[in-house]
Amino acid sequence: MPGARLIILATSGLAFVSLSVAADDPGRGEAVYKGTCIACHGGDGAGSLPGVPDLTEKAELLSQDDAILLRRMVEGFRSAGSPLEMPPRGGDPALTDADLKAVLKYMRREFQQTR
């Protein structure tokens, strides 16, 4: 019996490490963006639909605190003057908190570089 517990704990520990590594994968944020966010925010982040915020504006959306942006991503959000509301988790309930953190990091890296 004690050996079985050790195996279970070791397996659980390995799974936790594996999930942590996947969440920090730099390609994960890009994959989430291109699979979910690009439909409204566009490939260049400038917004492809009326009322969708421009992610490339340096002093605007992406300069806000992580906690604010992540809450909006989790709960959904409607920007002032926009006829559209971003649905919770970008419309994909399967996206994890780690996915949302990764896509936020990606968006900042891609759209806030030199602007």
Protein backbone atom coordinates (compact mmCIF):
# COMPACT_ATOMS: atom_id res chain seq x y z
CA MET A 1 0.00 0.00 0.00
CA PRO A 2 2.61 2.63 0.85
CA GLY A 3 4.27 2.00 -2.53
CA ALA A 4 0.97 2.66 -4.32
CA ARG A 5 0.59 6.03 -2.63
CA LEU A 6 4.09 6.99 -3.61
CA ILE A 7 3.40 6.14 -7.25
CA ILE A 8 0.19 8.14 -7.25
CA LEU A 9 1.89 11.14 -5.67
CA ALA A 10 4.80 10.91 -8.07
CA THR A 11 2.43 10.68 -11.00
CA SER A 12 0.42 13.63 -9.73
CA GLY A 13 3.60 15.64 -9.28
CA LEU A 14 4.69 14.86 -12.82
CA ALA A 15 1.32 15.87 -14.21
CA PHE A 16 1.45 19.16 -12.31
CA VAL A 17 4.92 19.96 -13.64
CA SER A 18 3.83 19.00 -17.13
CA LEU A 19 0.80 21.32 -16.99
CA SER A 20 2.91 24.18 -15.67
CA VAL A 21 5.39 23.81 -18.50
CA ALA A 22 2.56 23.76 -21.07
CA ALA A 23 1.08 26.97 -19.63
CA ASP A 24 4.44 28.74 -20.03
CA ASP A 25 4.93 27.52 -23.59
CA PRO A 26 5.44 30.68 -25.69
CA GLY A 27 3.56 29.11 -28.60
CA ARG A 28 0.44 28.49 -26.50
CA GLY A 29 -0.60 32.15 -26.41
CA GLU A 30 -0.20 32.44 -30.17
CA ALA A 31 -2.22 29.27 -30.74
CA VAL A 32 -5.05 30.53 -28.51
CA TYR A 33 -5.03 33.95 -30.21
CA LYS A 34 -5.09 32.48 -33.71
CA GLY A 35 -7.73 29.92 -32.77
CA THR A 36 -10.07 32.19 -30.83
CA CYS A 37 -9.25 35.91 -30.63
CA ILE A 38 -8.26 36.58 -34.23
CA ALA A 39 -11.88 36.40 -35.43
CA CYS A 40 -12.68 39.75 -33.81
CA HIS A 41 -9.30 41.32 -33.03
CA GLY A 42 -7.73 40.51 -36.40
CA GLY A 43 -4.30 39.22 -37.29
CA ASP A 44 -2.70 42.59 -36.60
CA GLY A 45 -4.60 43.25 -33.35
CA ALA A 46 -6.22 46.40 -34.71
CA GLY A 47 -9.73 44.92 -34.60
CA SER A 48 -11.55 43.45 -37.56
CA LEU A 49 -15.12 44.31 -36.52
CA PRO A 50 -16.72 47.68 -35.67
CA GLY A 51 -16.33 48.51 -31.99
CA VAL A 52 -13.64 45.92 -31.26
CA PRO A 53 -10.82 47.62 -29.37
CA ASP A 54 -7.50 48.21 -31.12
CA LEU A 55 -4.90 46.20 -29.21
CA THR A 56 -2.08 48.13 -30.87
CA GLU A 57 -2.87 51.42 -29.13
CA LYS A 58 -0.01 51.67 -26.64
CA ALA A 59 -1.79 53.66 -23.93
CA GLU A 60 -5.02 51.75 -24.27
CA LEU A 61 -6.31 48.28 -23.51
CA LEU A 62 -3.18 46.17 -23.03
CA SER A 63 -1.56 48.70 -20.68
CA GLN A 64 -4.15 47.86 -18.01
CA ASP A 65 -3.36 45.62 -15.05
CA ASP A 66 -3.33 41.84 -15.59
CA ALA A 67 -6.05 41.30 -12.99
CA ILE A 68 -8.44 43.65 -14.79
CA LEU A 69 -7.80 42.18 -18.23
CA LEU A 70 -7.94 38.57 -17.07
CA ARG A 71 -11.24 39.21 -15.24
CA ARG A 72 -12.68 40.69 -18.43
CA MET A 73 -11.44 37.73 -20.43
CA VAL A 74 -12.99 35.27 -17.96
CA GLU A 75 -16.32 37.08 -17.51
CA GLY A 76 -16.69 38.73 -20.91
CA PHE A 77 -16.68 42.46 -21.52
CA ARG A 78 -18.25 45.18 -23.64
CA SER A 79 -16.07 48.17 -24.49
CA ALA A 80 -17.64 51.61 -24.34
CA GLY A 81 -19.36 52.37 -27.64
CA SER A 82 -19.12 48.82 -28.91
CA PRO A 83 -22.23 47.06 -30.17
CA LEU A 84 -20.51 43.73 -29.49
CA GLU A 85 -19.60 42.05 -26.24
CA MET A 86 -16.60 39.79 -25.97
CA PRO A 87 -18.06 36.54 -24.64
CA PRO A 88 -16.58 34.88 -21.56
CA ARG A 89 -13.32 33.14 -22.41
CA GLY A 90 -13.59 34.48 -25.95
CA GLY A 91 -16.53 32.16 -26.56
CA ASP A 92 -14.50 29.01 -25.81
CA PRO A 93 -15.39 27.66 -22.36
CA ALA A 94 -12.60 25.09 -22.68
CA LEU A 95 -9.93 27.81 -22.39
CA THR A 96 -8.20 27.58 -19.03
CA ASP A 97 -6.91 30.41 -16.88
CA ALA A 98 -3.41 29.40 -18.02
CA ASP A 99 -4.55 29.74 -21.65
CA LEU A 100 -5.86 33.25 -20.94
CA LYS A 101 -2.62 34.27 -19.22
CA ALA A 102 -0.64 32.90 -22.16
CA VAL A 103 -2.73 34.78 -24.74
CA LEU A 104 -2.46 38.02 -22.76
CA LYS A 105 1.32 37.64 -22.70
CA TYR A 106 1.30 36.91 -26.45
CA MET A 107 -0.87 39.95 -27.26
CA ARG A 108 1.39 42.27 -25.29
CA ARG A 109 4.49 40.86 -26.95
CA GLU A 110 3.02 41.03 -30.45
CA PHE A 111 1.03 44.25 -30.38
CA GLN A 112 2.89 46.47 -27.91
CA GLN A 113 6.51 46.03 -29.12
CA THR A 114 7.40 49.37 -30.66
CA ARG A 115 4.19 51.33 -30.65
